[in-house]
Amino acid sequence: MSLLGFVKKNLMDYFIIVTGINVAIAVLGMNFDPDTVLGYEAYFSPLIIGAVAVLPSMVLYSRRELSVKGMLFRRALHLLVLELTLISFGYVAGLLTQWTIVLPFVVVVLVVYVFTLLVHYLIDSRTAVEINKGLRRIQE
């Protein structure tokens, strides 16, 4: 994948991740601290966390096509680096003040990660169908 294509993919990832973070914050907030009222500065949290979450994606970059085994290894490594990065950021930023919230946080990061992969799969599947339709028209 070219560097420009990789940057475009990460930009799309950023918006998918921010959407997932918004949903996660709403669900976690309603379950763990429903009485808290947030100010306007809270609107920046998903944007900042999304930017931090995209940074570990450099683990996935490769100029050449990876084997399935190589890509699965990189995905697993990416998830590990992502979890560690976000836990560290959450601790430094004061978001993870209690150890009881770390496990739900890890699960939420995993859910948002899977959600992002699912959205990419759906987009790629749709693109493949459109390309195949175009190729069939050309062959006829």
N, C-alpha and C. Protein backbone atom coordinates (compact mmCIF):
# COMPACT_ATOMS: atom_id res chain seq x y z
N MET A 1 0.85 -1.17 0.00
CA MET A 1 0.00 0.00 0.00
C MET A 1 0.90 1.23 0.00
N SER A 2 0.50 2.21 -0.77
CA SER A 2 1.27 3.45 -0.80
C SER A 2 1.08 4.22 0.49
N LEU A 3 2.00 5.11 0.77
CA LEU A 3 1.91 5.91 1.99
C LEU A 3 0.67 6.79 1.96
N LEU A 4 0.34 7.35 0.78
CA LEU A 4 -0.86 8.19 0.66
C LEU A 4 -2.12 7.37 0.92
N GLY A 5 -2.19 6.16 0.38
CA GLY A 5 -3.33 5.29 0.63
C GLY A 5 -3.45 4.93 2.10
N PHE A 6 -2.31 4.71 2.74
CA PHE A 6 -2.29 4.39 4.17
C PHE A 6 -2.80 5.57 4.99
N VAL A 7 -2.38 6.77 4.63
CA VAL A 7 -2.84 7.98 5.35
C VAL A 7 -4.34 8.16 5.16
N LYS A 8 -4.84 7.94 3.94
CA LYS A 8 -6.28 8.06 3.69
C LYS A 8 -7.07 7.05 4.51
N LYS A 9 -6.56 5.81 4.58
CA LYS A 9 -7.22 4.78 5.37
C LYS A 9 -7.25 5.17 6.85
N ASN A 10 -6.14 5.72 7.35
CA ASN A 10 -6.09 6.13 8.75
C ASN A 10 -7.01 7.31 9.03
N LEU A 11 -7.18 8.18 8.06
CA LEU A 11 -8.12 9.29 8.23
C LEU A 11 -9.54 8.77 8.33
N MET A 12 -9.88 7.78 7.50
CA MET A 12 -11.20 7.18 7.59
C MET A 12 -11.34 6.44 8.93
N ASP A 13 -10.28 5.75 9.35
CA ASP A 13 -10.28 5.08 10.65
C ASP A 13 -10.56 6.07 11.77
N TYR A 14 -9.96 7.24 11.69
CA TYR A 14 -10.12 8.26 12.72
C TYR A 14 -11.60 8.58 12.93
N PHE A 15 -12.33 8.81 11.85
CA PHE A 15 -13.74 9.17 11.99
C PHE A 15 -14.59 7.99 12.48
N ILE A 16 -14.25 6.79 12.06
CA ILE A 16 -14.96 5.61 12.56
C ILE A 16 -14.68 5.44 14.05
N ILE A 17 -13.43 5.61 14.45
CA ILE A 17 -13.04 5.46 15.86
C ILE A 17 -13.72 6.52 16.72
N VAL A 18 -13.76 7.76 16.26
CA VAL A 18 -14.40 8.83 17.03
C VAL A 18 -15.88 8.52 17.24
N THR A 19 -16.53 7.98 16.21
CA THR A 19 -17.94 7.59 16.36
C THR A 19 -18.07 6.49 17.41
N GLY A 20 -17.21 5.49 17.34
CA GLY A 20 -17.24 4.42 18.33
C GLY A 20 -16.96 4.92 19.74
N ILE A 21 -16.04 5.87 19.86
CA ILE A 21 -15.72 6.43 21.18
C ILE A 21 -16.91 7.19 21.74
N ASN A 22 -17.61 7.95 20.90
CA ASN A 22 -18.80 8.66 21.36
C ASN A 22 -19.84 7.70 21.92
N VAL A 23 -20.08 6.61 21.21
CA VAL A 23 -21.04 5.61 21.69
C VAL A 23 -20.53 4.98 22.98
N ALA A 24 -19.24 4.65 23.03
CA ALA A 24 -18.67 4.02 24.22
C ALA A 24 -18.75 4.93 25.44
N ILE A 25 -18.45 6.21 25.25
CA ILE A 25 -18.54 7.16 26.37
C ILE A 25 -19.97 7.25 26.87
N ALA A 26 -20.92 7.28 25.97
CA ALA A 26 -22.32 7.36 26.37
C ALA A 26 -22.73 6.11 27.16
N VAL A 27 -22.37 4.94 26.66
CA VAL A 27 -22.75 3.69 27.33
C VAL A 27 -22.04 3.55 28.67
N LEU A 28 -20.73 3.79 28.71
CA LEU A 28 -20.00 3.69 29.97
C LEU A 28 -20.48 4.73 30.98
N GLY A 29 -20.71 5.94 30.50
CA GLY A 29 -21.19 7.00 31.39
C GLY A 29 -22.53 6.67 32.01
N MET A 30 -23.45 6.15 31.20
CA MET A 30 -24.77 5.80 31.72
C MET A 30 -24.70 4.67 32.73
N ASN A 31 -23.74 3.75 32.56
CA ASN A 31 -23.64 2.61 33.46
C ASN A 31 -22.81 2.87 34.71
N PHE A 32 -21.73 3.64 34.59
CA PHE A 32 -20.82 3.82 35.72
C PHE A 32 -21.02 5.12 36.48
N ASP A 33 -21.48 6.16 35.82
CA ASP A 33 -21.62 7.46 36.48
C ASP A 33 -22.75 8.26 35.85
N PRO A 34 -24.00 7.80 36.01
CA PRO A 34 -25.12 8.43 35.30
C PRO A 34 -25.46 9.84 35.78
N ASP A 35 -25.02 10.24 36.96
CA ASP A 35 -25.39 11.55 37.50
C ASP A 35 -24.43 12.67 37.08
N THR A 36 -23.34 12.34 36.43
CA THR A 36 -22.36 13.34 36.05
C THR A 36 -22.86 14.16 34.87
N VAL A 37 -22.68 15.47 34.98
CA VAL A 37 -23.02 16.38 33.88
C VAL A 37 -21.69 16.87 33.30
N LEU A 38 -21.57 16.79 31.98
CA LEU A 38 -20.32 17.17 31.33
C LEU A 38 -20.43 18.56 30.73
N GLY A 39 -19.31 19.27 30.71
CA GLY A 39 -19.26 20.59 30.09
C GLY A 39 -18.90 20.48 28.62
N TYR A 40 -18.77 21.62 27.99
CA TYR A 40 -18.47 21.64 26.56
C TYR A 40 -17.10 21.07 26.23
N GLU A 41 -16.16 21.14 27.17
CA GLU A 41 -14.83 20.61 26.91
C GLU A 41 -14.86 19.09 26.69
N ALA A 42 -15.91 18.43 27.16
CA ALA A 42 -16.03 16.99 26.97
C ALA A 42 -16.20 16.61 25.50
N TYR A 43 -16.64 17.55 24.68
CA TYR A 43 -16.78 17.26 23.25
C TYR A 43 -15.43 17.02 22.58
N PHE A 44 -14.36 17.51 23.18
CA PHE A 44 -13.03 17.33 22.60
C PHE A 44 -12.42 15.98 22.95
N SER A 45 -12.90 15.33 23.99
CA SER A 45 -12.32 14.06 24.43
C SER A 45 -12.31 12.99 23.34
N PRO A 46 -13.43 12.72 22.66
CA PRO A 46 -13.39 11.70 21.60
C PRO A 46 -12.43 12.06 20.47
N LEU A 47 -12.32 13.34 20.16
CA LEU A 47 -11.42 13.76 19.08
C LEU A 47 -9.96 13.50 19.46
N ILE A 48 -9.61 13.82 20.70
CA ILE A 48 -8.24 13.62 21.17
C ILE A 48 -7.93 12.13 21.31
N ILE A 49 -8.85 11.38 21.92
CA ILE A 49 -8.64 9.94 22.09
C ILE A 49 -8.56 9.25 20.72
N GLY A 50 -9.39 9.70 19.77
CA GLY A 50 -9.33 9.15 18.42
C GLY A 50 -7.99 9.37 17.76
N ALA A 51 -7.42 10.56 17.96
CA ALA A 51 -6.10 10.86 17.39
C ALA A 51 -5.03 9.97 18.02
N VAL A 52 -5.12 9.78 19.33
CA VAL A 52 -4.16 8.91 20.02
C VAL A 52 -4.34 7.46 19.54
N ALA A 53 -5.58 7.06 19.27
CA ALA A 53 -5.85 5.69 18.84
C ALA A 53 -5.35 5.40 17.43
N VAL A 54 -5.23 6.42 16.60
CA VAL A 54 -4.75 6.21 15.23
C VAL A 54 -3.23 6.07 15.19
N LEU A 55 -2.53 6.65 16.14
CA LEU A 55 -1.06 6.63 16.13
C LEU A 55 -0.45 5.22 16.05
N PRO A 56 -0.95 4.24 16.81
CA PRO A 56 -0.35 2.90 16.72
C PRO A 56 -0.58 2.20 15.38
N SER A 57 -1.35 2.79 14.50
CA SER A 57 -1.61 2.17 13.20
C SER A 57 -0.36 2.06 12.33
N MET A 58 0.69 2.75 12.71
CA MET A 58 1.94 2.65 11.95
C MET A 58 2.47 1.22 11.96
N VAL A 59 2.06 0.42 12.93
CA VAL A 59 2.46 -0.99 13.00
C VAL A 59 1.96 -1.74 11.77
N LEU A 60 0.84 -1.30 11.20
CA LEU A 60 0.22 -2.00 10.08
C LEU A 60 0.80 -1.62 8.72
N TYR A 61 1.59 -0.56 8.65
CA TYR A 61 2.07 -0.08 7.36
C TYR A 61 3.13 -1.01 6.77
N SER A 62 2.97 -1.32 5.50
CA SER A 62 3.95 -2.11 4.77
C SER A 62 3.88 -1.70 3.30
N ARG A 63 5.04 -1.58 2.68
CA ARG A 63 5.07 -1.22 1.25
C ARG A 63 4.67 -2.39 0.37
N ARG A 64 4.87 -3.58 0.87
CA ARG A 64 4.55 -4.76 0.07
C ARG A 64 3.33 -5.48 0.66
N GLU A 65 2.75 -6.34 -0.16
CA GLU A 65 1.60 -7.14 0.26
C GLU A 65 2.04 -8.14 1.32
N LEU A 66 1.32 -8.19 2.42
CA LEU A 66 1.66 -9.13 3.50
C LEU A 66 0.91 -10.44 3.32
N SER A 67 1.49 -11.52 3.82
CA SER A 67 0.78 -12.80 3.82
C SER A 67 -0.34 -12.72 4.86
N VAL A 68 -1.24 -13.68 4.81
CA VAL A 68 -2.33 -13.71 5.79
C VAL A 68 -1.76 -13.84 7.19
N LYS A 69 -0.78 -14.72 7.34
CA LYS A 69 -0.15 -14.91 8.65
C LYS A 69 0.53 -13.62 9.12
N GLY A 70 1.23 -12.95 8.21
CA GLY A 70 1.89 -11.69 8.55
C GLY A 70 0.90 -10.61 8.94
N MET A 71 -0.23 -10.54 8.23
CA MET A 71 -1.23 -9.53 8.55
C MET A 71 -1.92 -9.84 9.88
N LEU A 72 -2.21 -11.11 10.14
CA LEU A 72 -2.81 -11.47 11.43
C LEU A 72 -1.87 -11.14 12.58
N PHE A 73 -0.57 -11.40 12.38
CA PHE A 73 0.42 -11.04 13.41
C PHE A 73 0.42 -9.54 13.64
N ARG A 74 0.41 -8.77 12.56
CA ARG A 74 0.42 -7.30 12.70
C ARG A 74 -0.86 -6.80 13.34
N ARG A 75 -2.00 -7.41 13.02
CA ARG A 75 -3.26 -7.01 13.66
C ARG A 75 -3.21 -7.26 15.16
N ALA A 76 -2.71 -8.43 15.56
CA ALA A 76 -2.61 -8.75 16.98
C ALA A 76 -1.65 -7.79 17.68
N LEU A 77 -0.51 -7.52 17.04
CA LEU A 77 0.45 -6.57 17.59
C LEU A 77 -0.16 -5.17 17.68
N HIS A 78 -0.91 -4.79 16.65
CA HIS A 78 -1.56 -3.48 16.64
C HIS A 78 -2.55 -3.36 17.79
N LEU A 79 -3.36 -4.41 18.01
CA LEU A 79 -4.33 -4.37 19.11
C LEU A 79 -3.62 -4.25 20.45
N LEU A 80 -2.54 -4.99 20.64
CA LEU A 80 -1.78 -4.91 21.89
C LEU A 80 -1.20 -3.51 22.10
N VAL A 81 -0.56 -2.97 21.07
CA VAL A 81 0.03 -1.63 21.17
C VAL A 81 -1.07 -0.59 21.39
N LEU A 82 -2.20 -0.75 20.71
CA LEU A 82 -3.33 0.16 20.86
C LEU A 82 -3.85 0.16 22.30
N GLU A 83 -4.07 -1.03 22.85
CA GLU A 83 -4.56 -1.13 24.23
C GLU A 83 -3.58 -0.48 25.20
N LEU A 84 -2.30 -0.79 25.06
CA LEU A 84 -1.29 -0.22 25.97
C LEU A 84 -1.20 1.30 25.82
N THR A 85 -1.27 1.78 24.58
CA THR A 85 -1.21 3.23 24.35
C THR A 85 -2.40 3.93 24.98
N LEU A 86 -3.60 3.38 24.78
CA LEU A 86 -4.79 4.04 25.31
C LEU A 86 -4.89 3.93 26.83
N ILE A 87 -4.45 2.82 27.40
CA ILE A 87 -4.43 2.71 28.87
C ILE A 87 -3.44 3.72 29.44
N SER A 88 -2.27 3.82 28.83
CA SER A 88 -1.27 4.80 29.29
C SER A 88 -1.79 6.22 29.16
N PHE A 89 -2.39 6.53 28.02
CA PHE A 89 -2.95 7.87 27.82
C PHE A 89 -4.07 8.15 28.82
N GLY A 90 -4.93 7.16 29.03
CA GLY A 90 -6.02 7.33 29.99
C GLY A 90 -5.51 7.58 31.40
N TYR A 91 -4.44 6.90 31.77
CA TYR A 91 -3.85 7.11 33.10
C TYR A 91 -3.23 8.49 33.21
N VAL A 92 -2.44 8.88 32.20
CA VAL A 92 -1.76 10.19 32.22
C VAL A 92 -2.77 11.33 32.18
N ALA A 93 -3.84 11.15 31.40
CA ALA A 93 -4.85 12.20 31.26
C ALA A 93 -5.83 12.25 32.44
N GLY A 94 -5.73 11.27 33.34
CA GLY A 94 -6.62 11.26 34.49
C GLY A 94 -7.98 10.65 34.21
N LEU A 95 -8.11 9.96 33.09
CA LEU A 95 -9.39 9.33 32.75
C LEU A 95 -9.56 8.00 33.48
N LEU A 96 -8.46 7.31 33.72
CA LEU A 96 -8.49 6.02 34.42
C LEU A 96 -7.93 6.22 35.82
N THR A 97 -8.79 6.65 36.72
CA THR A 97 -8.35 6.94 38.08
C THR A 97 -8.52 5.74 39.01
N GLN A 98 -9.35 4.78 38.61
CA GLN A 98 -9.58 3.59 39.44
C GLN A 98 -9.27 2.35 38.61
N TRP A 99 -8.69 1.34 39.24
CA TRP A 99 -8.36 0.11 38.52
C TRP A 99 -9.60 -0.67 38.13
N THR A 100 -10.73 -0.40 38.77
CA THR A 100 -11.96 -1.13 38.44
C THR A 100 -12.49 -0.76 37.06
N ILE A 101 -12.09 0.37 36.53
CA ILE A 101 -12.57 0.80 35.22
C ILE A 101 -11.66 0.34 34.09
N VAL A 102 -10.47 -0.20 34.42
CA VAL A 102 -9.51 -0.58 33.37
C VAL A 102 -10.04 -1.75 32.53
N LEU A 103 -10.59 -2.78 33.16
CA LEU A 103 -11.11 -3.92 32.39
C LEU A 103 -12.26 -3.51 31.47
N PRO A 104 -13.27 -2.77 31.95
CA PRO A 104 -14.29 -2.30 31.00
C PRO A 104 -13.71 -1.43 29.89
N PHE A 105 -12.71 -0.63 30.22
CA PHE A 105 -12.05 0.22 29.22
C PHE A 105 -11.39 -0.64 28.14
N VAL A 106 -10.68 -1.69 28.56
CA VAL A 106 -10.03 -2.60 27.62
C VAL A 106 -11.07 -3.27 26.72
N VAL A 107 -12.18 -3.69 27.31
CA VAL A 107 -13.25 -4.33 26.53
C VAL A 107 -13.84 -3.34 25.53
N VAL A 108 -14.05 -2.10 25.95
CA VAL A 108 -14.60 -1.09 25.05
C VAL A 108 -13.64 -0.81 23.90
N VAL A 109 -12.35 -0.74 24.18
CA VAL A 109 -11.37 -0.53 23.12
C VAL A 109 -11.43 -1.70 22.13
N LEU A 110 -11.56 -2.91 22.63
CA LEU A 110 -11.69 -4.08 21.76
C LEU A 110 -12.95 -4.00 20.90
N VAL A 111 -14.06 -3.60 21.50
CA VAL A 111 -15.32 -3.48 20.75
C VAL A 111 -15.21 -2.42 19.66
N VAL A 112 -14.62 -1.27 19.98
CA VAL A 112 -14.44 -0.22 18.97
C VAL A 112 -13.49 -0.70 17.88
N TYR A 113 -12.47 -1.46 18.24
CA TYR A 113 -11.53 -2.02 17.27
C TYR A 113 -12.25 -2.95 16.29
N VAL A 114 -13.06 -3.85 16.84
CA VAL A 114 -13.82 -4.79 16.00
C VAL A 114 -14.83 -4.03 15.14
N PHE A 115 -15.48 -3.02 15.72
CA PHE A 115 -16.42 -2.18 14.96
C PHE A 115 -15.72 -1.52 13.78
N THR A 116 -14.53 -1.01 13.99
CA THR A 116 -13.77 -0.37 12.91
C THR A 116 -13.43 -1.38 11.82
N LEU A 117 -13.00 -2.57 12.21
CA LEU A 117 -12.69 -3.61 11.23
C LEU A 117 -13.94 -4.02 10.45
N LEU A 118 -15.07 -4.10 11.13
CA LEU A 118 -16.33 -4.47 10.48
C LEU A 118 -16.75 -3.42 9.45
N VAL A 119 -16.64 -2.16 9.81
CA VAL A 119 -16.99 -1.08 8.87
C VAL A 119 -16.07 -1.14 7.65
N HIS A 120 -14.79 -1.37 7.86
CA HIS A 120 -13.85 -1.49 6.74
C HIS A 120 -14.22 -2.68 5.85
N TYR A 121 -14.58 -3.79 6.47
CA TYR A 121 -14.97 -4.97 5.71
C TYR A 121 -16.19 -4.67 4.84
N LEU A 122 -17.19 -4.01 5.41
CA LEU A 122 -18.39 -3.69 4.65
C LEU A 122 -18.09 -2.74 3.50
N ILE A 123 -17.26 -1.75 3.74
CA ILE A 123 -16.89 -0.81 2.68
C ILE A 123 -16.10 -1.52 1.58
N ASP A 124 -15.14 -2.35 1.97
CA ASP A 124 -14.34 -3.08 0.99
C ASP A 124 -15.18 -4.07 0.19
N SER A 125 -16.14 -4.73 0.85
CA SER A 125 -17.02 -5.67 0.15
C SER A 125 -17.87 -4.94 -0.88
N ARG A 126 -18.39 -3.81 -0.51
CA ARG A 126 -19.20 -3.02 -1.44
C ARG A 126 -18.36 -2.56 -2.63
N THR A 127 -17.16 -2.12 -2.37
CA THR A 127 -16.26 -1.70 -3.45
C THR A 127 -15.95 -2.87 -4.38
N ALA A 128 -15.71 -4.04 -3.82
CA ALA A 128 -15.41 -5.22 -4.64
C ALA A 128 -16.60 -5.59 -5.53
N VAL A 129 -17.80 -5.51 -4.99
CA VAL A 129 -19.00 -5.80 -5.79
C VAL A 129 -19.12 -4.82 -6.94
N GLU A 130 -18.90 -3.54 -6.67
CA GLU A 130 -18.99 -2.53 -7.73
C GLU A 130 -17.92 -2.74 -8.81
N ILE A 131 -16.71 -3.09 -8.40
CA ILE A 131 -15.64 -3.35 -9.37
C ILE A 131 -15.99 -4.56 -10.22
N ASN A 132 -16.50 -5.62 -9.59
CA ASN A 132 -16.87 -6.83 -10.34
C ASN A 132 -17.99 -6.55 -11.33
N LYS A 133 -18.97 -5.74 -10.94
CA LYS A 133 -20.04 -5.36 -11.88
C LYS A 133 -19.47 -4.62 -13.07
N GLY A 134 -18.56 -3.70 -12.82
CA GLY A 134 -17.92 -2.95 -13.90
C GLY A 134 -17.13 -3.86 -14.82
N LEU A 135 -16.42 -4.83 -14.27
CA LEU A 135 -15.65 -5.77 -15.08
C LEU A 135 -16.57 -6.65 -15.93
N ARG A 136 -17.70 -7.07 -15.36
CA ARG A 136 -18.66 -7.87 -16.14
C ARG A 136 -19.22 -7.08 -17.31
N ARG A 137 -19.50 -5.79 -17.08
CA ARG A 137 -20.01 -4.94 -18.17
C ARG A 137 -18.97 -4.80 -19.28
N ILE A 138 -17.72 -4.68 -18.90
CA ILE A 138 -16.65 -4.55 -19.90
C ILE A 138 -16.50 -5.84 -20.70
N GLN A 139 -16.64 -6.99 -20.05
CA GLN A 139 -16.49 -8.28 -20.73
C GLN A 139 -17.63 -8.55 -21.71
N GLU A 140 -18.79 -7.98 -21.48
CA GLU A 140 -19.94 -8.25 -22.35
C GLU A 140 -19.90 -7.49 -23.62
